[in-house]
Amino acid sequence: MKRTRRCVGLLVLPPFEQLNLVGPSSVFSFARKAESPAYEVRLLAATRENTLRSSSGLTIGPATHYAKFLGPIDTLLVIGGEGAMAPPDAKLKKWLRESSKRARRIGSICTGAFLLAEAGLLDSRRVVTHWRYCDRLAQQYPQLRVQTDPIFIKDGKVYTTAGVSAGIDLALALVEEDLGHTAVMQVVRELMVFPKRPGGQAQFSYFPIEHEDVSDQGLRDLRSWAAGNLRADLSVARLAKASGMTGRTFARRFGEEFHMTPAAWVQSLRVKAARRHLENDDFSLKEIASKTGFRDVGSLRRTFRYHVHTTPGEYQERFRRIIVRKKNDARSTGARRNRTLG
C-alpha cells in the first residue's frame, strides 16, 4: 500500500538566514514512519529565481514559485531573514491567507513572523520572534501579543519561533505531534542534536535542557506550561490538572521521573526565571519577585541564596560588571583600530 507523505512547504524570501531553512528541513527529512520518509519537503520561492540566495551569499535550490505549486500543503512555514521583513506584494499576502485556510498548520521561523503578521495571520495571537526583533514586531503590529521569552509558541494552528536554531526545536515538536516521542528521538540521534527544548524555555538561557528523557507527554510539557504561569498558585492539584492526571497519579509519576518534590521543582523554575531577569533586565527586586511568582522580596532573597549561594543583588552586580567590561573592551578595540587606520 502506498504511504502518503505530509507535505511541508518552506516559503523563502531571499536573502534568508541559512539555518532557519536547513535546520527544520533536515529534521523533517530524517523523520520516518514505518521506515519510510514521513514528509515531503518543498522549497517555495517568493521570487521567480530557481535558486535562492542566503544572507551569507550561498544559494540553495531548486525552488518552485509559490504561485506555481498546486499540490496540498500540510504544514506551511515562512523562513526568516532580511527578505521576510521587507513589505511583501499583495499577491503573496493573498496567497498566504488562502493557503493558511487549506493547511493543517502554519508557522514562521525567526523573523518570518513579520510576513505572517503583514498578511494578517497573527492578529490577536501570542507570538514570538528573534529576541532582537521582538520590540520591533510589537511596535509595527500592535494587534499582536508579542512574547519575548519563549523559544516557540503554539496558538491554535499557528506556530512562531524565536531566532535561528529555534526552528529545529519547532520542527522536532511538530514531528512529535505527528509521529510520537520514539520517532522524534530517532531524528535526534541521527542529527546528533539535543531533544527539543520546551517552548516556554527562555531564548537567552544559560541553563541546561532538562527532562528530555521523560517518557510521559504530560510531564514533558509541564515545564513549558509552568514556566508560563509562574505567578499562579502552582499547587500539586494545579500541576496535576495541567498534566491531565489525578493528584495521586501525578505525585507518583512526578517522583519517579523527576526525583524531587513538585514544590522543589517549582521553586527551581522560579529561581531560574529570576536569574534570567537579573542577567538581562533592569527590573527592581520587587518587580522580579512579582514576575516570577515569589510572595515578596524576602522570599526571593532566601530562596535565591539557597539555590545559587549568593544574593540576588550580588548576582545582578556580577553580570553588570561583565557587561560594562565587555563594553569597555569593545571601546578599547575600536580606539586601537582607529589609531591604526589613522
C-alpha atoms as a PDB file:
ATOM      1  CA  MET A   1       0.000   0.000   0.000  1.00  0.00           C
ATOM      2  CA  LYS A   2       1.369   3.417  -0.957  1.00  0.00           C
ATOM      3  CA  ARG A   3       2.062   5.644   2.014  1.00  0.00           C
ATOM      4  CA  THR A   4       1.190   9.328   1.787  1.00  0.00           C
ATOM      5  CA  ARG A   5       3.833  11.771   2.930  1.00  0.00           C
ATOM      6  CA  ARG A   6       2.842  15.003   4.608  1.00  0.00           C
ATOM      7  CA  CYS A   7       3.939  17.965   2.526  1.00  0.00           C
ATOM      8  CA  VAL A   8       5.943  20.634   4.367  1.00  0.00           C
ATOM      9  CA  GLY A   9       6.152  23.857   2.382  1.00  0.00           C
ATOM     10  CA  LEU A  10       9.042  26.144   3.324  1.00  0.00           C
ATOM     11  CA  LEU A  11       8.387  29.624   1.936  1.00  0.00           C
ATOM     12  CA  VAL A  12      11.561  31.625   1.353  1.00  0.00           C
ATOM     13  CA  LEU A  13      12.061  35.317   0.573  1.00  0.00           C
ATOM     14  CA  PRO A  14      15.738  35.988  -0.123  1.00  0.00           C
ATOM     15  CA  PRO A  15      18.015  36.920   1.407  1.00  0.00           C
ATOM     16  CA  PHE A  16      17.262  34.384   4.129  1.00  0.00           C
ATOM     17  CA  GLU A  17      19.159  33.019   7.112  1.00  0.00           C
ATOM     18  CA  GLN A  18      20.555  29.573   6.196  1.00  0.00           C
ATOM     19  CA  LEU A  19      19.968  27.758   9.480  1.00  0.00           C
ATOM     20  CA  ASN A  20      16.363  28.955   9.555  1.00  0.00           C
ATOM     21  CA  LEU A  21      15.857  26.831   6.439  1.00  0.00           C
ATOM     22  CA  VAL A  22      18.232  23.879   6.595  1.00  0.00           C
ATOM     23  CA  GLY A  23      17.655  23.155  10.304  1.00  0.00           C
ATOM     24  CA  PRO A  24      13.910  22.417  10.104  1.00  0.00           C
ATOM     25  CA  SER A  25      14.326  20.905   6.633  1.00  0.00           C
ATOM     26  CA  SER A  26      16.820  18.361   7.987  1.00  0.00           C
ATOM     27  CA  VAL A  27      14.518  17.410  10.861  1.00  0.00           C
ATOM     28  CA  PHE A  28      11.591  16.712   8.525  1.00  0.00           C
ATOM     29  CA  SER A  29      13.826  14.890   6.048  1.00  0.00           C
ATOM     30  CA  PHE A  30      15.077  12.450   8.688  1.00  0.00           C
ATOM     31  CA  ALA A  31      11.651  11.717  10.194  1.00  0.00           C
ATOM     32  CA  ARG A  32      10.408   8.218   9.428  1.00  0.00           C
ATOM     33  CA  LYS A  33       7.094   6.417   9.659  1.00  0.00           C
ATOM     34  CA  ALA A  34       7.276   2.643   9.356  1.00  0.00           C
ATOM     35  CA  GLU A  35      10.814   3.020   7.922  1.00  0.00           C
ATOM     36  CA  SER A  36       9.574   5.320   5.139  1.00  0.00           C
ATOM     37  CA  PRO A  37      10.037   9.102   4.899  1.00  0.00           C
ATOM     38  CA  ALA A  38       7.140  10.755   6.703  1.00  0.00           C
ATOM     39  CA  TYR A  39       7.397  14.129   4.978  1.00  0.00           C
ATOM     40  CA  GLU A  40       7.938  15.649   1.575  1.00  0.00           C
ATOM     41  CA  VAL A  41       9.804  18.946   1.956  1.00  0.00           C
ATOM     42  CA  ARG A  42       9.142  21.515  -0.764  1.00  0.00           C
ATOM     43  CA  LEU A  43      11.088  24.747  -1.198  1.00  0.00           C
ATOM     44  CA  LEU A  44       8.692  27.530  -2.213  1.00  0.00           C
ATOM     45  CA  ALA A  45      10.112  30.793  -3.527  1.00  0.00           C
ATOM     46  CA  ALA A  46       8.602  34.255  -3.383  1.00  0.00           C
ATOM     47  CA  THR A  47      10.743  35.192  -6.403  1.00  0.00           C
ATOM     48  CA  ARG A  48      10.996  33.777  -9.915  1.00  0.00           C
ATOM     49  CA  GLU A  49      14.575  32.510  -9.482  1.00  0.00           C
ATOM     50  CA  ASN A  50      15.212  28.778  -9.442  1.00  0.00           C
ATOM     51  CA  THR A  51      17.836  29.169  -6.713  1.00  0.00           C
ATOM     52  CA  LEU A  52      17.619  31.359  -3.645  1.00  0.00           C
ATOM     53  CA  ARG A  53      20.399  33.409  -2.060  1.00  0.00           C
ATOM     54  CA  SER A  54      21.033  33.325   1.665  1.00  0.00           C
ATOM     55  CA  SER A  55      22.316  36.251   3.707  1.00  0.00           C
ATOM     56  CA  SER A  56      25.822  34.747   3.581  1.00  0.00           C
ATOM     57  CA  GLY A  57      25.787  34.619  -0.222  1.00  0.00           C
ATOM     58  CA  LEU A  58      25.320  30.859  -0.571  1.00  0.00           C
ATOM     59  CA  THR A  59      22.443  29.681  -2.759  1.00  0.00           C
ATOM     60  CA  ILE A  60      20.056  26.757  -2.490  1.00  0.00           C
ATOM     61  CA  GLY A  61      17.611  25.177  -4.885  1.00  0.00           C
ATOM     62  CA  PRO A  62      15.754  24.057  -6.843  1.00  0.00           C
ATOM     63  CA  ALA A  63      12.779  26.122  -5.722  1.00  0.00           C
ATOM     64  CA  THR A  64       9.230  26.376  -7.044  1.00  0.00           C
ATOM     65  CA  HIS A  65       7.480  29.728  -7.259  1.00  0.00           C
ATOM     66  CA  TYR A  66       4.720  29.706  -4.663  1.00  0.00           C
ATOM     67  CA  ALA A  67       2.003  30.531  -7.236  1.00  0.00           C
ATOM     68  CA  LYS A  68       3.008  27.543  -9.393  1.00  0.00           C
ATOM     69  CA  PHE A  69       2.836  24.995  -6.587  1.00  0.00           C
ATOM     70  CA  LEU A  70      -0.582  23.379  -6.854  1.00  0.00           C
ATOM     71  CA  GLY A  71      -0.230  20.435  -4.502  1.00  0.00           C
ATOM     72  CA  PRO A  72      -1.676  20.195  -0.984  1.00  0.00           C
ATOM     73  CA  ILE A  73       0.370  21.632   1.887  1.00  0.00           C
ATOM     74  CA  ASP A  74       0.069  20.026   5.296  1.00  0.00           C
ATOM     75  CA  THR A  75       2.452  22.396   7.098  1.00  0.00           C
ATOM     76  CA  LEU A  76       3.458  25.822   5.773  1.00  0.00           C
ATOM     77  CA  LEU A  77       6.415  27.585   7.389  1.00  0.00           C
ATOM     78  CA  VAL A  78       7.780  31.016   6.474  1.00  0.00           C
ATOM     79  CA  ILE A  79      11.570  31.124   6.727  1.00  0.00           C
ATOM     80  CA  GLY A  80      13.097  34.149   8.416  1.00  0.00           C
ATOM     81  CA  GLY A  81      15.739  36.551   7.205  1.00  0.00           C
ATOM     82  CA  GLU A  82      16.007  40.040   5.777  1.00  0.00           C
ATOM     83  CA  GLY A  83      13.685  39.159   2.900  1.00  0.00           C
ATOM     84  CA  ALA A  84      10.846  38.131   5.206  1.00  0.00           C
ATOM     85  CA  MET A  85      10.943  41.512   6.945  1.00  0.00           C
ATOM     86  CA  ALA A  86      10.525  43.533   3.739  1.00  0.00           C
ATOM     87  CA  PRO A  87       6.989  44.605   2.699  1.00  0.00           C
ATOM     88  CA  PRO A  88       5.522  41.784   0.560  1.00  0.00           C
ATOM     89  CA  ASP A  89       3.431  42.310  -2.537  1.00  0.00           C
ATOM     90  CA  ALA A  90      -0.345  41.953  -2.433  1.00  0.00           C
ATOM     91  CA  LYS A  91      -0.347  38.678  -4.389  1.00  0.00           C
ATOM     92  CA  LEU A  92       1.894  36.947  -1.859  1.00  0.00           C
ATOM     93  CA  LYS A  93      -0.214  38.133   1.067  1.00  0.00           C
ATOM     94  CA  LYS A  94      -3.367  36.881  -0.626  1.00  0.00           C
ATOM     95  CA  TRP A  95      -1.738  33.506  -1.353  1.00  0.00           C
ATOM     96  CA  LEU A  96      -0.673  33.194   2.281  1.00  0.00           C
ATOM     97  CA  ARG A  97      -4.186  33.891   3.535  1.00  0.00           C
ATOM     98  CA  GLU A  98      -5.711  31.362   1.149  1.00  0.00           C
ATOM     99  CA  SER A  99      -3.050  28.732   1.863  1.00  0.00           C
ATOM    100  CA  SER A 100      -3.472  29.148   5.607  1.00  0.00           C
ATOM    101  CA  LYS A 101      -7.102  28.048   5.281  1.00  0.00           C
ATOM    102  CA  ARG A 102      -6.117  24.848   3.480  1.00  0.00           C
ATOM    103  CA  ALA A 103      -3.026  23.923   5.505  1.00  0.00           C
ATOM    104  CA  ARG A 104      -3.385  21.919   8.698  1.00  0.00           C
ATOM    105  CA  ARG A 105      -0.965  24.269  10.414  1.00  0.00           C
ATOM    106  CA  ILE A 106       1.145  27.296   9.542  1.00  0.00           C
ATOM    107  CA  GLY A 107       4.075  28.991  11.188  1.00  0.00           C
ATOM    108  CA  SER A 108       7.199  31.060  10.967  1.00  0.00           C
ATOM    109  CA  ILE A 109      10.851  30.582  11.767  1.00  0.00           C
ATOM    110  CA  CYS A 110      12.542  33.578  13.379  1.00  0.00           C
ATOM    111  CA  THR A 111      11.655  36.836  11.567  1.00  0.00           C
ATOM    112  CA  GLY A 112       9.298  35.007   9.227  1.00  0.00           C
ATOM    113  CA  ALA A 113       6.715  36.227  11.770  1.00  0.00           C
ATOM    114  CA  PHE A 114       6.843  39.651  10.105  1.00  0.00           C
ATOM    115  CA  LEU A 115       5.444  38.233   6.868  1.00  0.00           C
ATOM    116  CA  LEU A 116       2.673  36.304   8.627  1.00  0.00           C
ATOM    117  CA  ALA A 117       1.814  39.457  10.568  1.00  0.00           C
ATOM    118  CA  GLU A 118       1.713  41.520   7.384  1.00  0.00           C
ATOM    119  CA  ALA A 119      -0.733  39.000   5.915  1.00  0.00           C
ATOM    120  CA  GLY A 120      -2.967  39.402   8.968  1.00  0.00           C
ATOM    121  CA  LEU A 121      -2.477  35.814  10.129  1.00  0.00           C
ATOM    122  CA  LEU A 122      -1.142  36.642  13.593  1.00  0.00           C
ATOM    123  CA  ASP A 123      -3.763  39.159  14.712  1.00  0.00           C
ATOM    124  CA  SER A 124      -4.619  38.802  18.425  1.00  0.00           C
ATOM    125  CA  ARG A 125      -2.349  35.757  18.744  1.00  0.00           C
ATOM    126  CA  ARG A 126       0.516  35.088  21.137  1.00  0.00           C
ATOM    127  CA  VAL A 127       3.667  35.173  19.016  1.00  0.00           C
ATOM    128  CA  VAL A 128       7.443  35.293  19.312  1.00  0.00           C
ATOM    129  CA  THR A 129      10.389  36.084  17.069  1.00  0.00           C
ATOM    130  CA  HIS A 130      14.138  36.559  17.493  1.00  0.00           C
ATOM    131  CA  TRP A 131      14.735  38.462  20.749  1.00  0.00           C
ATOM    132  CA  ARG A 132      16.466  41.258  18.820  1.00  0.00           C
ATOM    133  CA  TYR A 133      13.276  41.981  16.840  1.00  0.00           C
ATOM    134  CA  CYS A 134      10.537  41.418  19.441  1.00  0.00           C
ATOM    135  CA  ASP A 135      10.137  45.126  20.191  1.00  0.00           C
ATOM    136  CA  ARG A 136      10.056  45.999  16.506  1.00  0.00           C
ATOM    137  CA  LEU A 137       7.402  43.354  15.822  1.00  0.00           C
ATOM    138  CA  ALA A 138       5.255  44.631  18.695  1.00  0.00           C
ATOM    139  CA  GLN A 139       5.556  48.258  17.576  1.00  0.00           C
ATOM    140  CA  GLN A 140       4.916  47.508  13.917  1.00  0.00           C
ATOM    141  CA  TYR A 141       1.939  45.231  14.626  1.00  0.00           C
ATOM    142  CA  PRO A 142       0.287  46.332  17.898  1.00  0.00           C
ATOM    143  CA  GLN A 143      -2.586  43.883  17.359  1.00  0.00           C
ATOM    144  CA  LEU A 144      -0.182  41.009  18.127  1.00  0.00           C
ATOM    145  CA  ARG A 145       0.513  39.680  21.621  1.00  0.00           C
ATOM    146  CA  VAL A 146       4.303  39.520  21.319  1.00  0.00           C
ATOM    147  CA  GLN A 147       6.139  37.435  23.936  1.00  0.00           C
ATOM    148  CA  THR A 148       9.879  37.866  24.438  1.00  0.00           C
ATOM    149  CA  ASP A 149      10.908  34.711  26.304  1.00  0.00           C
ATOM    150  CA  PRO A 150       9.632  31.524  24.605  1.00  0.00           C
ATOM    151  CA  ILE A 151      11.635  29.536  22.093  1.00  0.00           C
ATOM    152  CA  PHE A 152       8.412  28.780  20.226  1.00  0.00           C
ATOM    153  CA  ILE A 153       4.713  29.364  20.723  1.00  0.00           C
ATOM    154  CA  LYS A 154       1.686  27.416  19.554  1.00  0.00           C
ATOM    155  CA  ASP A 155      -1.527  29.431  19.334  1.00  0.00           C
ATOM    156  CA  GLY A 156      -4.227  27.335  17.700  1.00  0.00           C
ATOM    157  CA  LYS A 157      -2.870  26.089  14.377  1.00  0.00           C
ATOM    158  CA  VAL A 158      -0.278  28.882  14.208  1.00  0.00           C
ATOM    159  CA  TYR A 159       3.310  28.426  15.386  1.00  0.00           C
ATOM    160  CA  THR A 160       6.022  31.066  15.741  1.00  0.00           C
ATOM    161  CA  THR A 161       9.611  30.685  16.899  1.00  0.00           C
ATOM    162  CA  ALA A 162      12.478  32.641  18.307  1.00  0.00           C
ATOM    163  CA  GLY A 163      15.717  33.013  16.359  1.00  0.00           C
ATOM    164  CA  VAL A 164      17.662  30.668  14.127  1.00  0.00           C
ATOM    165  CA  SER A 165      18.176  27.338  15.963  1.00  0.00           C
ATOM    166  CA  ALA A 166      14.682  27.580  17.478  1.00  0.00           C
ATOM    167  CA  GLY A 167      13.397  26.371  14.109  1.00  0.00           C
ATOM    168  CA  ILE A 168      14.943  22.998  14.886  1.00  0.00           C
ATOM    169  CA  ASP A 169      13.099  22.888  18.219  1.00  0.00           C
ATOM    170  CA  LEU A 170       9.802  23.660  16.500  1.00  0.00           C
ATOM    171  CA  ALA A 171      10.352  21.070  13.776  1.00  0.00           C
ATOM    172  CA  LEU A 172      11.104  18.427  16.414  1.00  0.00           C
ATOM    173  CA  ALA A 173       7.926  19.393  18.266  1.00  0.00           C
ATOM    174  CA  LEU A 174       5.856  19.093  15.089  1.00  0.00           C
ATOM    175  CA  VAL A 175       7.337  15.682  14.312  1.00  0.00           C
ATOM    176  CA  GLU A 176       6.489  14.568  17.833  1.00  0.00           C
ATOM    177  CA  GLU A 177       2.911  15.815  17.388  1.00  0.00           C
ATOM    178  CA  ASP A 178       2.577  13.740  14.231  1.00  0.00           C
ATOM    179  CA  LEU A 179       4.648  10.629  14.931  1.00  0.00           C
ATOM    180  CA  GLY A 180       5.262  10.437  18.666  1.00  0.00           C
ATOM    181  CA  HIS A 181       8.213  10.543  21.028  1.00  0.00           C
ATOM    182  CA  THR A 182      10.019   7.495  19.660  1.00  0.00           C
ATOM    183  CA  ALA A 183      10.115   8.919  16.134  1.00  0.00           C
ATOM    184  CA  VAL A 184      11.446  12.283  17.269  1.00  0.00           C
ATOM    185  CA  MET A 185      14.180  10.625  19.357  1.00  0.00           C
ATOM    186  CA  GLN A 186      15.290   8.733  16.243  1.00  0.00           C
ATOM    187  CA  VAL A 187      15.685  12.076  14.449  1.00  0.00           C
ATOM    188  CA  VAL A 188      17.602  13.461  17.422  1.00  0.00           C
ATOM    189  CA  ARG A 189      20.055  10.560  17.322  1.00  0.00           C
ATOM    190  CA  GLU A 190      20.561  10.847  13.560  1.00  0.00           C
ATOM    191  CA  LEU A 191      21.183  14.594  13.616  1.00  0.00           C
ATOM    192  CA  MET A 192      23.082  14.496  16.934  1.00  0.00           C
ATOM    193  CA  VAL A 193      21.134  17.443  18.331  1.00  0.00           C
ATOM    194  CA  PHE A 194      19.540  17.965  21.745  1.00  0.00           C
ATOM    195  CA  PRO A 195      15.964  16.825  22.157  1.00  0.00           C
ATOM    196  CA  LYS A 196      13.530  19.690  21.660  1.00  0.00           C
ATOM    197  CA  ARG A 197      13.650  22.409  24.276  1.00  0.00           C
ATOM    198  CA  PRO A 198      10.269  23.221  25.797  1.00  0.00           C
ATOM    199  CA  GLY A 199       8.605  26.128  24.068  1.00  0.00           C
ATOM    200  CA  GLY A 200       8.493  28.088  27.324  1.00  0.00           C
ATOM    201  CA  GLN A 201      12.239  27.941  27.875  1.00  0.00           C
ATOM    202  CA  ALA A 202      13.787  31.386  27.554  1.00  0.00           C
ATOM    203  CA  GLN A 203      15.563  32.337  24.318  1.00  0.00           C
ATOM    204  CA  PHE A 204      18.551  33.688  26.210  1.00  0.00           C
ATOM    205  CA  SER A 205      19.139  30.801  28.589  1.00  0.00           C
ATOM    206  CA  TYR A 206      22.304  29.617  30.321  1.00  0.00           C
ATOM    207  CA  PHE A 207      20.651  26.613  31.898  1.00  0.00           C
ATOM    208  CA  PRO A 208      20.903  23.025  30.661  1.00  0.00           C
ATOM    209  CA  ILE A 209      17.972  21.361  28.939  1.00  0.00           C
ATOM    210  CA  GLU A 210      16.038  19.325  31.473  1.00  0.00           C
ATOM    211  CA  HIS A 211      13.882  16.226  31.442  1.00  0.00           C
ATOM    212  CA  GLU A 212      14.345  15.428  27.766  1.00  0.00           C
ATOM    213  CA  ASP A 213      14.199  11.713  28.568  1.00  0.00           C
ATOM    214  CA  VAL A 214      10.832  11.875  30.368  1.00  0.00           C
ATOM    215  CA  SER A 215       8.535   9.373  28.706  1.00  0.00           C
ATOM    216  CA  ASP A 216       5.172  10.860  29.719  1.00  0.00           C
ATOM    217  CA  GLN A 217       3.941  13.567  27.305  1.00  0.00           C
ATOM    218  CA  GLY A 218       2.034  15.459  30.024  1.00  0.00           C
ATOM    219  CA  LEU A 219       5.077  15.660  32.284  1.00  0.00           C
ATOM    220  CA  ARG A 220       7.396  16.571  29.399  1.00  0.00           C
ATOM    221  CA  ASP A 221       5.187  19.525  28.532  1.00  0.00           C
ATOM    222  CA  LEU A 222       4.634  20.537  32.159  1.00  0.00           C
ATOM    223  CA  ARG A 223       7.815  22.629  32.381  1.00  0.00           C
ATOM    224  CA  SER A 224       6.749  24.763  29.429  1.00  0.00           C
ATOM    225  CA  TRP A 225       3.307  25.295  30.956  1.00  0.00           C
ATOM    226  CA  ALA A 226       4.627  26.053  34.436  1.00  0.00           C
ATOM    227  CA  ALA A 227       7.266  28.465  33.097  1.00  0.00           C
ATOM    228  CA  GLY A 228       4.470  30.474  31.523  1.00  0.00           C
ATOM    229  CA  ASN A 229       2.397  30.516  34.722  1.00  0.00           C
ATOM    230  CA  LEU A 230       4.948  31.234  37.432  1.00  0.00           C
ATOM    231  CA  ARG A 231       2.739  33.886  39.033  1.00  0.00           C
ATOM    232  CA  ALA A 232      -0.065  31.363  39.559  1.00  0.00           C
ATOM    233  CA  ASP A 233      -0.554  29.133  42.600  1.00  0.00           C
ATOM    234  CA  LEU A 234       1.336  26.099  41.300  1.00  0.00           C
ATOM    235  CA  SER A 235      -0.002  23.601  43.797  1.00  0.00           C
ATOM    236  CA  VAL A 236       0.161  19.856  43.270  1.00  0.00           C
ATOM    237  CA  ALA A 237      -3.523  19.899  42.322  1.00  0.00           C
ATOM    238  CA  ARG A 238      -2.929  22.607  39.703  1.00  0.00           C
ATOM    239  CA  LEU A 239       0.120  20.830  38.261  1.00  0.00           C
ATOM    240  CA  ALA A 240      -1.757  17.524  38.168  1.00  0.00           C
ATOM    241  CA  LYS A 241      -4.625  19.116  36.244  1.00  0.00           C
ATOM    242  CA  ALA A 242      -2.201  20.685  33.744  1.00  0.00           C
ATOM    243  CA  SER A 243      -0.634  17.247  33.220  1.00  0.00           C
ATOM    244  CA  GLY A 244      -4.016  15.547  32.739  1.00  0.00           C
ATOM    245  CA  MET A 245      -3.626  13.297  35.804  1.00  0.00           C
ATOM    246  CA  THR A 246      -5.295  12.748  39.145  1.00  0.00           C
ATOM    247  CA  GLY A 247      -3.424  14.147  42.128  1.00  0.00           C
ATOM    248  CA  ARG A 248      -2.345  10.709  43.353  1.00  0.00           C
ATOM    249  CA  THR A 249      -1.135   9.547  39.944  1.00  0.00           C
ATOM    250  CA  PHE A 250       0.683  12.828  39.376  1.00  0.00           C
ATOM    251  CA  ALA A 251       2.548  12.678  42.702  1.00  0.00           C
ATOM    252  CA  ARG A 252       3.711   9.124  41.991  1.00  0.00           C
ATOM    253  CA  ARG A 253       4.708   9.703  38.364  1.00  0.00           C
ATOM    254  CA  PHE A 254       6.395  13.027  39.158  1.00  0.00           C
ATOM    255  CA  GLY A 255       8.605  11.454  41.814  1.00  0.00           C
ATOM    256  CA  GLU A 256       9.523   8.577  39.503  1.00  0.00           C
ATOM    257  CA  GLU A 257      10.527  10.873  36.627  1.00  0.00           C
ATOM    258  CA  PHE A 258      11.993  13.964  38.327  1.00  0.00           C
ATOM    259  CA  HIS A 259      13.304  12.583  41.635  1.00  0.00           C
ATOM    260  CA  MET A 260      12.231  15.672  43.600  1.00  0.00           C
ATOM    261  CA  THR A 261       9.056  17.076  45.077  1.00  0.00           C
ATOM    262  CA  PRO A 262       6.771  19.269  42.936  1.00  0.00           C
ATOM    263  CA  ALA A 263       7.330  22.149  45.368  1.00  0.00           C
ATOM    264  CA  ALA A 264      11.126  21.973  44.991  1.00  0.00           C
ATOM    265  CA  TRP A 265      10.760  21.756  41.224  1.00  0.00           C
ATOM    266  CA  VAL A 266       8.530  24.846  41.040  1.00  0.00           C
ATOM    267  CA  GLN A 267      10.967  26.681  43.281  1.00  0.00           C
ATOM    268  CA  SER A 268      13.856  25.862  40.925  1.00  0.00           C
ATOM    269  CA  LEU A 269      11.865  27.164  37.931  1.00  0.00           C
ATOM    270  CA  ARG A 270      11.190  30.437  39.714  1.00  0.00           C
ATOM    271  CA  VAL A 271      14.852  30.851  40.668  1.00  0.00           C
ATOM    272  CA  LYS A 272      15.954  30.239  37.085  1.00  0.00           C
ATOM    273  CA  ALA A 273      13.454  32.782  35.812  1.00  0.00           C
ATOM    274  CA  ALA A 274      14.741  35.279  38.384  1.00  0.00           C
ATOM    275  CA  ARG A 275      18.309  34.649  37.210  1.00  0.00           C
ATOM    276  CA  ARG A 276      17.321  35.434  33.632  1.00  0.00           C
ATOM    277  CA  HIS A 277      15.813  38.749  34.691  1.00  0.00           C
ATOM    278  CA  LEU A 278      18.858  39.618  36.808  1.00  0.00           C
ATOM    279  CA  GLU A 279      21.165  38.848  33.885  1.00  0.00           C
ATOM    280  CA  ASN A 280      19.282  40.628  31.148  1.00  0.00           C
ATOM    281  CA  ASP A 281      16.830  43.178  32.573  1.00  0.00           C
ATOM    282  CA  ASP A 282      16.886  46.277  34.731  1.00  0.00           C
ATOM    283  CA  PHE A 283      13.916  45.375  36.944  1.00  0.00           C
ATOM    284  CA  SER A 284      13.859  46.006  40.677  1.00  0.00           C
ATOM    285  CA  LEU A 285      13.866  43.010  43.019  1.00  0.00           C
ATOM    286  CA  LYS A 286      10.225  43.747  43.836  1.00  0.00           C
ATOM    287  CA  GLU A 287       9.319  43.559  40.125  1.00  0.00           C
ATOM    288  CA  ILE A 288      11.317  40.347  39.652  1.00  0.00           C
ATOM    289  CA  ALA A 289       9.675  38.734  42.673  1.00  0.00           C
ATOM    290  CA  SER A 290       6.254  39.582  41.257  1.00  0.00           C
ATOM    291  CA  LYS A 291       7.065  38.365  37.741  1.00  0.00           C
ATOM    292  CA  THR A 292       8.482  35.040  38.915  1.00  0.00           C
ATOM    293  CA  GLY A 293       5.841  34.110  41.479  1.00  0.00           C
ATOM    294  CA  PHE A 294       7.635  34.793  44.774  1.00  0.00           C
ATOM    295  CA  ARG A 295       5.462  36.064  47.615  1.00  0.00           C
ATOM    296  CA  ASP A 296       7.748  39.051  48.279  1.00  0.00           C
ATOM    297  CA  VAL A 297      11.359  40.230  48.007  1.00  0.00           C
ATOM    298  CA  GLY A 298      12.294  38.455  51.229  1.00  0.00           C
ATOM    299  CA  SER A 299      11.085  35.126  49.850  1.00  0.00           C
ATOM    300  CA  LEU A 300      13.009  35.747  46.628  1.00  0.00           C
ATOM    301  CA  ARG A 301      16.220  36.540  48.531  1.00  0.00           C
ATOM    302  CA  ARG A 302      16.013  33.474  50.796  1.00  0.00           C
ATOM    303  CA  THR A 303      15.200  31.037  48.018  1.00  0.00           C
ATOM    304  CA  PHE A 304      17.723  32.530  45.625  1.00  0.00           C
ATOM    305  CA  ARG A 305      20.535  32.339  48.180  1.00  0.00           C
ATOM    306  CA  TYR A 306      19.662  28.714  48.961  1.00  0.00           C
ATOM    307  CA  HIS A 307      19.875  27.667  45.291  1.00  0.00           C
ATOM    308  CA  VAL A 308      22.575  29.982  43.900  1.00  0.00           C
ATOM    309  CA  HIS A 309      24.644  30.565  47.072  1.00  0.00           C
ATOM    310  CA  THR A 310      24.669  34.324  46.620  1.00  0.00           C
ATOM    311  CA  THR A 311      22.167  37.152  46.958  1.00  0.00           C
ATOM    312  CA  PRO A 312      20.127  38.454  44.004  1.00  0.00           C
ATOM    313  CA  GLY A 313      21.849  41.837  44.356  1.00  0.00           C
ATOM    314  CA  GLU A 314      25.352  40.328  44.240  1.00  0.00           C
ATOM    315  CA  TYR A 315      24.350  38.159  41.292  1.00  0.00           C
ATOM    316  CA  GLN A 316      22.954  41.131  39.352  1.00  0.00           C
ATOM    317  CA  GLU A 317      26.021  43.251  40.089  1.00  0.00           C
ATOM    318  CA  ARG A 318      28.294  40.488  38.806  1.00  0.00           C
ATOM    319  CA  PHE A 319      26.540  40.477  35.431  1.00  0.00           C
ATOM    320  CA  ARG A 320      26.524  44.252  35.266  1.00  0.00           C
ATOM    321  CA  ARG A 321      30.304  44.252  35.744  1.00  0.00           C
ATOM    322  CA  ILE A 322      30.672  41.707  32.928  1.00  0.00           C
ATOM    323  CA  ILE A 323      28.536  43.830  30.591  1.00  0.00           C
ATOM    324  CA  VAL A 324      30.459  47.015  31.462  1.00  0.00           C
ATOM    325  CA  ARG A 325      33.790  45.233  30.961  1.00  0.00           C
ATOM    326  CA  LYS A 326      32.705  43.954  27.541  1.00  0.00           C
ATOM    327  CA  LYS A 327      31.608  47.447  26.515  1.00  0.00           C
ATOM    328  CA  ASN A 328      34.911  48.912  27.681  1.00  0.00           C
ATOM    329  CA  ASP A 329      36.845  46.206  25.834  1.00  0.00           C
ATOM    330  CA  ALA A 330      34.848  46.943  22.666  1.00  0.00           C
ATOM    331  CA  ARG A 331      35.591  50.676  23.009  1.00  0.00           C
ATOM    332  CA  SER A 332      39.306  49.980  23.542  1.00  0.00           C
ATOM    333  CA  THR A 333      39.417  47.715  20.493  1.00  0.00           C
ATOM    334  CA  GLY A 334      37.670  50.356  18.404  1.00  0.00           C
ATOM    335  CA  ALA A 335      40.057  53.051  19.591  1.00  0.00           C
ATOM    336  CA  ARG A 336      43.107  50.944  18.734  1.00  0.00           C
ATOM    337  CA  ARG A 337      41.668  50.180  15.322  1.00  0.00           C
ATOM    338  CA  ASN A 338      41.073  53.870  14.662  1.00  0.00           C
ATOM    339  CA  ARG A 339      44.623  54.747  15.702  1.00  0.00           C
ATOM    340  CA  THR A 340      45.960  52.049  13.396  1.00  0.00           C
ATOM    341  CA  LEU A 341      43.881  53.281  10.474  1.00  0.00           C
ATOM    342  CA  GLY A 342      44.872  56.869  11.216  1.00  0.00           C
END
